[in-house]
Amino acid sequence: MKAWAVVEASKPLQEIELPTPEPVGRQVLLEVTHAGVCHSDIHVWEGEWDLGSRGKMRLSDRGVKLPLAMGHETVGRVVKWGPEAEGQGLEVGQLRIVFPWVGCGTCAKCQAEEDNMCLQGKALGIFQNGGYATHILVPEPRHLVDPGDIDPALAATYACSGITVFSAINKVMPMPPDVPIVLVGAGGLGLQAIAVLKAMGHQRIVSVDLSAEKLEAARQAGASDTFQPGGEDTVQRLIALCGGPVEAIIDLVNGSQTARMCFDALTKGGTLIQVGLFGGELTVPLPVMAMRALTVRGSYVGNPKELRELVKIAQGGGLPGIPITREPLRNADSALQRLREGKVTGRVVLTAEAA
């Protein structure tokens, strides 16, 4: 098989040939048709995350080995499967969304289909080869979801950006539809979050971004309000826009500056959900945490149950789409660099030449 892989951290992706996997046990082999380019791929490509005063967390220290085909937003066609996957409704040629956040497969979390919480994470596109390739090997049939009538390029995005925002939003729901929910970041995740909130019937959606172009995209996607941070009065202006301190904020960037802004804008009993991996750290005043009964909670992607639920909402047009730019798989490196430079609105989805 061909793969467009990280061979050396922070160096251009290279087209390489790898042995096409032969599925064993419950494994399923798919031919990739669509692969989304996610901001998390930039961190994987760089090989590290910024932990602020604690230094760097390096992928090599977590057992990631190169070369690696990234890509965790994948749709493909079933090619073959291992003998233990017989009788699971598989057919050659089936189009399926791949759930990538796989774990060990045997622990209590995996058995409860909370694979993303497995302590021995083996995510596709991070610890194992993912969708930037002609083929992808999936651990078992339950990690495959039928997209039905959804555009497969859009369906691919649900495997990461879709379930990531769906899971994060569920951590602040239920909320009255007219109470502001602030979304920090109007990139692929931010636009997906607006779509999910609108599908849930939420009305007051405040999108925050530095880019006027991305804020315009957020307006078109259905954000009720947009906000461009900057200056020493940023927190005060955000609070004024929301009509008072904020009950729920979802930080899809999650850098030192955005985290501080979000924390300072919370109302008593408010919740900050941290999603993005931009990096840095947040220092919190401990008495304020207690006196204002604040919640700061991380949210890591989603689980197979959430992917199936989200796809069910999307089927039949129940979930608005996001802007998608299609590129052939061989353009994986240039697409990644455009995203790194902040030149992508919505999502770039790589496609097989025949897709």
Protein backbone atom coordinates (compact mmCIF):
# COMPACT_ATOMS: atom_id res chain seq x y z
CA MET A 1 0.00 0.00 0.00
CA LYS A 2 1.01 3.63 -0.38
CA ALA A 3 1.18 6.03 2.56
CA TRP A 4 1.91 9.73 2.88
CA ALA A 5 3.84 9.49 6.10
CA VAL A 6 5.80 11.38 8.73
CA VAL A 7 9.31 9.98 8.30
CA GLU A 8 11.00 12.67 10.40
CA ALA A 9 9.28 15.10 12.77
CA SER A 10 8.55 18.55 11.29
CA LYS A 11 9.81 17.46 7.86
CA PRO A 12 7.63 17.16 4.72
CA LEU A 13 5.43 14.08 4.49
CA GLN A 14 6.87 11.47 2.16
CA GLU A 15 5.12 9.02 -0.14
CA ILE A 16 6.29 5.57 0.90
CA GLU A 17 5.29 1.98 0.27
CA LEU A 18 4.35 -0.32 3.14
CA PRO A 19 3.18 -3.93 3.21
CA THR A 20 -0.61 -4.04 2.86
CA PRO A 21 -1.85 -5.47 6.20
CA GLU A 22 -3.52 -8.88 6.26
CA PRO A 23 -6.38 -8.82 8.78
CA VAL A 24 -6.38 -11.45 11.51
CA GLY A 25 -8.80 -12.17 14.34
CA ARG A 26 -11.52 -9.51 14.32
CA GLN A 27 -9.56 -7.01 12.22
CA VAL A 28 -11.05 -5.37 9.13
CA LEU A 29 -9.06 -3.96 6.20
CA LEU A 30 -10.51 -0.99 4.30
CA GLU A 31 -9.44 0.89 1.20
CA VAL A 32 -9.34 4.59 2.13
CA THR A 33 -11.63 6.87 0.12
CA HIS A 34 -11.61 10.01 2.34
CA ALA A 35 -9.29 11.30 5.08
CA GLY A 36 -9.78 14.58 6.95
CA VAL A 37 -6.82 16.80 7.84
CA CYS A 38 -7.16 17.73 11.51
CA HIS A 39 -5.26 20.30 13.58
CA SER A 40 -4.16 17.47 15.89
CA ASP A 41 -2.18 16.11 12.95
CA ILE A 42 0.05 19.18 13.18
CA HIS A 43 1.05 18.24 16.73
CA VAL A 44 1.70 14.65 15.68
CA TRP A 45 3.76 15.92 12.72
CA GLU A 46 5.75 18.19 15.06
CA GLY A 47 6.24 15.27 17.43
CA GLU A 48 5.42 17.12 20.64
CA TRP A 49 2.96 19.10 22.74
CA ASP A 50 3.67 22.24 24.77
CA LEU A 51 3.12 21.66 28.50
CA GLY A 52 4.09 25.17 29.59
CA SER A 53 6.46 25.19 32.57
CA ARG A 54 6.52 21.39 32.51
CA GLY A 55 8.33 21.39 29.19
CA LYS A 56 7.32 19.23 26.23
CA MET A 57 5.44 15.94 25.91
CA ARG A 58 7.08 14.07 23.04
CA LEU A 59 5.37 11.41 20.97
CA SER A 60 8.52 9.31 20.97
CA ASP A 61 8.29 9.11 24.78
CA ARG A 62 4.76 7.75 24.39
CA GLY A 63 5.86 4.95 22.09
CA VAL A 64 5.03 6.48 18.71
CA LYS A 65 7.32 5.14 16.01
CA LEU A 66 8.08 6.58 12.58
CA PRO A 67 7.33 6.31 9.72
CA LEU A 68 3.69 7.00 10.49
CA ALA A 69 0.72 7.60 8.22
CA MET A 70 -1.39 10.12 10.14
CA GLY A 71 -5.09 10.66 9.60
CA HIS A 72 -7.87 9.88 12.08
CA GLU A 73 -10.90 11.12 10.13
CA THR A 74 -11.29 8.27 7.69
CA VAL A 75 -13.95 6.76 5.46
CA GLY A 76 -13.17 3.68 3.40
CA ARG A 77 -14.54 0.61 1.64
CA VAL A 78 -14.34 -2.81 3.25
CA VAL A 79 -11.85 -5.07 1.49
CA LYS A 80 -11.43 -8.12 3.73
CA TRP A 81 -11.57 -9.20 7.38
CA GLY A 82 -10.20 -11.77 9.81
CA PRO A 83 -11.96 -15.07 10.57
CA GLU A 84 -13.32 -13.90 13.94
CA ALA A 85 -15.17 -11.03 12.22
CA GLU A 86 -17.34 -13.42 10.23
CA GLY A 87 -21.07 -13.03 10.87
CA GLN A 88 -20.74 -9.35 11.80
CA GLY A 89 -22.61 -8.06 8.75
CA LEU A 90 -19.51 -7.19 6.75
CA GLU A 91 -19.59 -7.14 2.96
CA VAL A 92 -16.87 -6.32 0.50
CA GLY A 93 -17.34 -2.78 -0.83
CA GLN A 94 -19.29 -1.41 2.14
CA LEU A 95 -18.54 2.27 2.78
CA ARG A 96 -17.81 2.88 6.45
CA ILE A 97 -16.66 5.63 8.82
CA VAL A 98 -13.69 4.47 10.89
CA PHE A 99 -13.71 5.13 14.64
CA PRO A 100 -10.01 5.85 15.28
CA TRP A 101 -9.69 6.28 19.06
CA VAL A 102 -9.11 2.61 19.74
CA GLY A 103 -7.62 1.14 22.91
CA CYS A 104 -6.36 -2.24 24.04
CA GLY A 105 -9.73 -3.86 23.32
CA THR A 106 -9.82 -5.86 26.55
CA CYS A 107 -9.97 -3.47 29.53
CA ALA A 108 -13.19 -2.39 31.25
CA LYS A 109 -13.26 0.92 29.38
CA CYS A 110 -12.94 -0.75 25.97
CA GLN A 111 -15.51 -3.38 26.88
CA ALA A 112 -17.91 -0.55 27.82
CA GLU A 113 -17.22 1.11 24.43
CA GLU A 114 -15.37 3.98 26.06
CA ASP A 115 -12.26 3.17 24.03
CA ASN A 116 -11.00 6.77 24.12
CA MET A 117 -10.55 6.44 27.89
CA CYS A 118 -8.35 3.33 27.63
CA LEU A 119 -5.00 3.83 29.40
CA GLN A 120 -3.27 1.95 26.60
CA GLY A 121 -4.53 4.07 23.73
CA LYS A 122 -3.61 2.83 20.27
CA ALA A 123 -5.34 5.48 18.18
CA LEU A 124 -5.25 5.08 14.42
CA GLY A 125 -3.22 7.82 12.80
CA ILE A 126 -1.20 8.37 15.99
CA PHE A 127 0.01 5.06 17.37
CA GLN A 128 -0.92 3.04 14.29
CA ASN A 129 -1.11 3.96 10.62
CA GLY A 130 -4.21 5.95 9.76
CA GLY A 131 -6.02 7.44 6.81
CA TYR A 132 -3.19 9.19 4.94
CA ALA A 133 -2.76 5.95 3.04
CA THR A 134 -4.46 3.76 0.47
CA HIS A 135 -5.49 1.22 3.15
CA ILE A 136 -6.29 1.22 6.86
CA LEU A 137 -6.53 -1.69 9.33
CA VAL A 138 -9.30 -1.45 11.94
CA PRO A 139 -9.24 -3.59 15.12
CA GLU A 140 -12.82 -4.88 14.96
CA PRO A 141 -16.18 -4.39 13.22
CA ARG A 142 -17.70 -2.29 16.03
CA HIS A 143 -15.27 0.47 15.09
CA LEU A 144 -17.06 0.89 11.75
CA VAL A 145 -20.17 3.05 11.26
CA ASP A 146 -22.41 3.16 8.20
CA PRO A 147 -22.63 6.78 6.94
CA GLY A 148 -25.88 6.10 5.11
CA ASP A 149 -26.86 9.10 2.97
CA ILE A 150 -24.19 11.46 4.39
CA ASP A 151 -21.62 12.85 1.95
CA PRO A 152 -18.59 10.65 2.73
CA ALA A 153 -16.24 13.66 2.83
CA LEU A 154 -18.39 15.21 5.55
CA ALA A 155 -18.89 11.84 7.25
CA ALA A 156 -15.12 11.47 7.62
CA THR A 157 -15.01 14.61 9.78
CA TYR A 158 -17.43 13.09 12.28
CA ALA A 159 -14.77 10.58 13.39
CA CYS A 160 -12.83 13.36 15.12
CA SER A 161 -14.14 16.92 14.91
CA GLY A 162 -17.74 15.71 14.99
CA ILE A 163 -17.59 13.45 18.03
CA THR A 164 -15.07 15.73 19.74
CA VAL A 165 -17.48 18.66 19.83
CA PHE A 166 -20.51 16.39 20.37
CA SER A 167 -18.87 14.89 23.47
CA ALA A 168 -17.78 18.31 24.74
CA ILE A 169 -21.21 19.86 24.24
CA ASN A 170 -22.88 16.97 26.04
CA LYS A 171 -20.74 17.82 29.08
CA VAL A 172 -22.50 21.19 29.48
CA MET A 173 -25.99 20.14 28.44
CA PRO A 174 -28.85 20.47 29.11
CA MET A 175 -29.00 24.25 28.96
CA PRO A 176 -31.84 26.64 28.09
CA PRO A 177 -31.55 27.46 24.37
CA ASP A 178 -31.27 31.22 24.98
CA VAL A 179 -28.36 30.96 27.47
CA PRO A 180 -25.04 31.76 25.76
CA ILE A 181 -22.60 28.95 25.05
CA VAL A 182 -19.22 30.36 24.07
CA LEU A 183 -17.13 28.48 21.51
CA VAL A 184 -13.48 29.57 21.34
CA GLY A 185 -12.10 28.85 17.87
CA ALA A 186 -13.98 29.03 14.56
CA GLY A 187 -11.96 26.51 12.60
CA GLY A 188 -13.14 23.01 11.70
CA LEU A 189 -14.05 22.18 15.30
CA GLY A 190 -15.77 25.49 15.89
CA LEU A 191 -17.96 25.24 12.79
CA GLN A 192 -18.79 21.63 13.64
CA ALA A 193 -19.77 22.70 17.16
CA ILE A 194 -22.11 25.37 15.78
CA ALA A 195 -23.73 22.73 13.57
CA VAL A 196 -24.22 20.33 16.50
CA LEU A 197 -25.66 23.03 18.76
CA LYS A 198 -28.08 24.13 16.05
CA ALA A 199 -29.15 20.51 15.55
CA MET A 200 -29.85 20.38 19.29
CA GLY A 201 -32.02 23.49 19.01
CA HIS A 202 -29.64 25.81 20.85
CA GLN A 203 -30.08 29.46 19.87
CA ARG A 204 -27.43 31.57 21.63
CA ILE A 205 -24.07 30.49 20.19
CA VAL A 206 -21.12 32.87 20.64
CA SER A 207 -18.14 32.18 18.37
CA VAL A 208 -14.72 33.59 19.33
CA ASP A 209 -11.75 33.83 16.97
CA LEU A 210 -8.91 36.18 16.03
CA SER A 211 -9.68 35.79 12.31
CA ALA A 212 -12.39 38.00 10.82
CA GLU A 213 -12.68 35.54 7.92
CA LYS A 214 -13.35 32.63 10.26
CA LEU A 215 -15.84 34.66 12.26
CA GLU A 216 -17.71 35.37 9.03
CA ALA A 217 -17.80 31.61 8.37
CA ALA A 218 -19.16 31.15 11.90
CA ARG A 219 -21.90 33.68 11.21
CA GLN A 220 -22.84 31.88 8.02
CA ALA A 221 -22.86 28.58 9.91
CA GLY A 222 -25.39 29.96 12.37
CA ALA A 223 -23.55 31.59 15.28
CA SER A 224 -25.84 34.14 16.89
CA ASP A 225 -22.89 36.30 17.99
CA THR A 226 -19.22 36.60 17.07
CA PHE A 227 -16.37 38.05 19.09
CA GLN A 228 -12.83 39.05 18.17
CA PRO A 229 -10.55 39.07 21.24
CA GLY A 230 -7.72 41.53 21.72
CA GLY A 231 -6.65 44.15 24.23
CA GLU A 232 -6.74 44.32 28.01
CA ASP A 233 -10.54 44.62 28.05
CA THR A 234 -11.15 41.33 26.19
CA VAL A 235 -12.79 39.56 29.14
CA GLN A 236 -14.99 42.54 29.98
CA ARG A 237 -16.12 42.86 26.36
CA LEU A 238 -16.93 39.14 26.14
CA ILE A 239 -18.94 39.28 29.37
CA ALA A 240 -20.83 42.33 28.10
CA LEU A 241 -21.65 40.59 24.81
CA CYS A 242 -23.04 37.61 26.71
CA GLY A 243 -25.11 39.78 29.03
CA GLY A 244 -23.07 38.80 32.09
CA PRO A 245 -20.51 36.22 33.19
CA VAL A 246 -20.75 33.03 31.17
CA GLU A 247 -22.23 29.71 32.25
CA ALA A 248 -20.58 27.44 29.66
CA ILE A 249 -17.44 27.89 27.56
CA ILE A 250 -15.90 25.30 25.26
CA ASP A 251 -12.28 26.12 24.44
CA LEU A 252 -11.46 24.46 21.12
CA VAL A 253 -8.05 26.16 21.03
CA ASN A 254 -6.96 25.64 24.66
CA GLY A 255 -3.78 27.69 24.75
CA SER A 256 -2.50 29.67 27.72
CA GLN A 257 -4.17 32.91 26.59
CA THR A 258 -7.54 31.44 25.63
CA ALA A 259 -7.71 29.36 28.82
CA ARG A 260 -7.08 32.44 30.98
CA MET A 261 -9.71 34.42 29.08
CA CYS A 262 -12.25 31.64 29.43
CA PHE A 263 -11.59 31.09 33.13
CA ASP A 264 -11.95 34.80 33.91
CA ALA A 265 -15.24 35.05 31.99
CA LEU A 266 -17.03 32.26 33.89
CA THR A 267 -20.00 32.94 36.13
CA LYS A 268 -20.49 31.39 39.54
CA GLY A 269 -21.05 27.69 38.98
CA GLY A 270 -19.77 28.04 35.41
CA THR A 271 -18.07 25.32 33.41
CA LEU A 272 -15.05 25.48 31.11
CA ILE A 273 -14.56 22.48 28.82
CA GLN A 274 -11.00 22.26 27.48
CA VAL A 275 -10.74 20.52 24.12
CA GLY A 276 -7.93 21.97 22.00
CA LEU A 277 -4.27 20.99 22.17
CA PHE A 278 -2.64 24.32 21.33
CA GLY A 279 -0.61 24.04 24.50
CA GLY A 280 0.70 25.97 27.47
CA GLU A 281 -0.80 26.03 30.93
CA LEU A 282 -3.47 27.63 33.09
CA THR A 283 -2.68 28.84 36.61
CA VAL A 284 -5.87 29.16 38.65
CA PRO A 285 -6.45 31.03 41.92
CA LEU A 286 -7.54 28.22 44.23
CA PRO A 287 -9.85 30.22 46.55
CA VAL A 288 -11.73 31.50 43.46
CA MET A 289 -12.25 27.92 42.25
CA ALA A 290 -13.99 27.07 45.51
CA MET A 291 -15.84 30.33 46.19
CA ARG A 292 -17.25 30.48 42.65
CA ALA A 293 -17.83 26.72 42.42
CA LEU A 294 -16.17 26.59 39.01
CA THR A 295 -15.61 23.49 36.89
CA VAL A 296 -12.63 23.16 34.56
CA ARG A 297 -12.92 19.86 32.70
CA GLY A 298 -11.00 18.26 29.88
CA SER A 299 -12.78 16.46 27.04
CA TYR A 300 -10.88 13.99 24.87
CA VAL A 301 -12.48 13.17 21.49
CA GLY A 302 -15.42 10.76 21.90
CA ASN A 303 -16.42 7.09 21.95
CA PRO A 304 -18.04 4.72 19.44
CA LYS A 305 -21.46 5.17 21.02
CA GLU A 306 -21.24 8.93 20.49
CA LEU A 307 -20.11 8.47 16.88
CA ARG A 308 -23.12 6.26 16.14
CA GLU A 309 -25.45 8.74 17.85
CA LEU A 310 -24.00 11.69 15.95
CA VAL A 311 -24.23 9.90 12.60
CA LYS A 312 -27.85 9.05 13.33
CA ILE A 313 -28.57 12.76 13.89
CA ALA A 314 -26.76 13.65 10.66
CA GLN A 315 -28.50 11.10 8.46
CA GLY A 316 -31.35 12.61 6.53
CA GLY A 317 -29.87 16.11 6.81
CA GLY A 318 -30.38 16.59 10.54
CA LEU A 319 -26.94 18.15 10.99
CA PRO A 320 -25.79 21.13 8.89
CA GLY A 321 -22.58 20.52 6.94
CA ILE A 322 -19.34 22.49 7.25
CA PRO A 323 -17.22 23.94 4.42
CA ILE A 324 -15.09 21.17 2.91
CA THR A 325 -12.23 21.43 0.44
CA ARG A 326 -11.34 18.18 -1.33
CA GLU A 327 -7.74 17.37 -2.24
CA PRO A 328 -6.17 14.17 -3.57
CA LEU A 329 -4.33 12.06 -0.99
CA ARG A 330 -1.02 12.83 -2.69
CA ASN A 331 -1.47 16.48 -1.60
CA ALA A 332 -1.44 15.54 2.09
CA ASP A 333 1.68 17.54 2.92
CA SER A 334 0.57 20.78 1.25
CA ALA A 335 -2.87 20.49 2.88
CA LEU A 336 -1.26 20.01 6.29
CA GLN A 337 0.95 23.07 5.80
CA ARG A 338 -2.00 25.25 4.75
CA LEU A 339 -3.80 24.22 7.92
CA ARG A 340 -0.68 24.96 9.97
CA GLU A 341 -0.54 28.44 8.45
CA GLY A 342 -4.18 29.13 9.34
CA LYS A 343 -5.30 29.23 5.71
CA VAL A 344 -8.09 26.66 5.94
CA THR A 345 -11.76 27.45 6.56
CA GLY A 346 -13.69 24.38 7.64
CA ARG A 347 -11.94 21.13 6.71
CA VAL A 348 -9.64 19.80 4.02
CA VAL A 349 -10.55 16.20 3.19
CA LEU A 350 -8.09 14.11 1.22
CA THR A 351 -9.63 11.76 -1.33
CA ALA A 352 -8.47 8.69 -3.22
CA GLU A 353 -8.01 9.43 -6.90
CA ALA A 354 -11.08 7.37 -7.83
CA ALA A 355 -13.29 8.58 -4.95
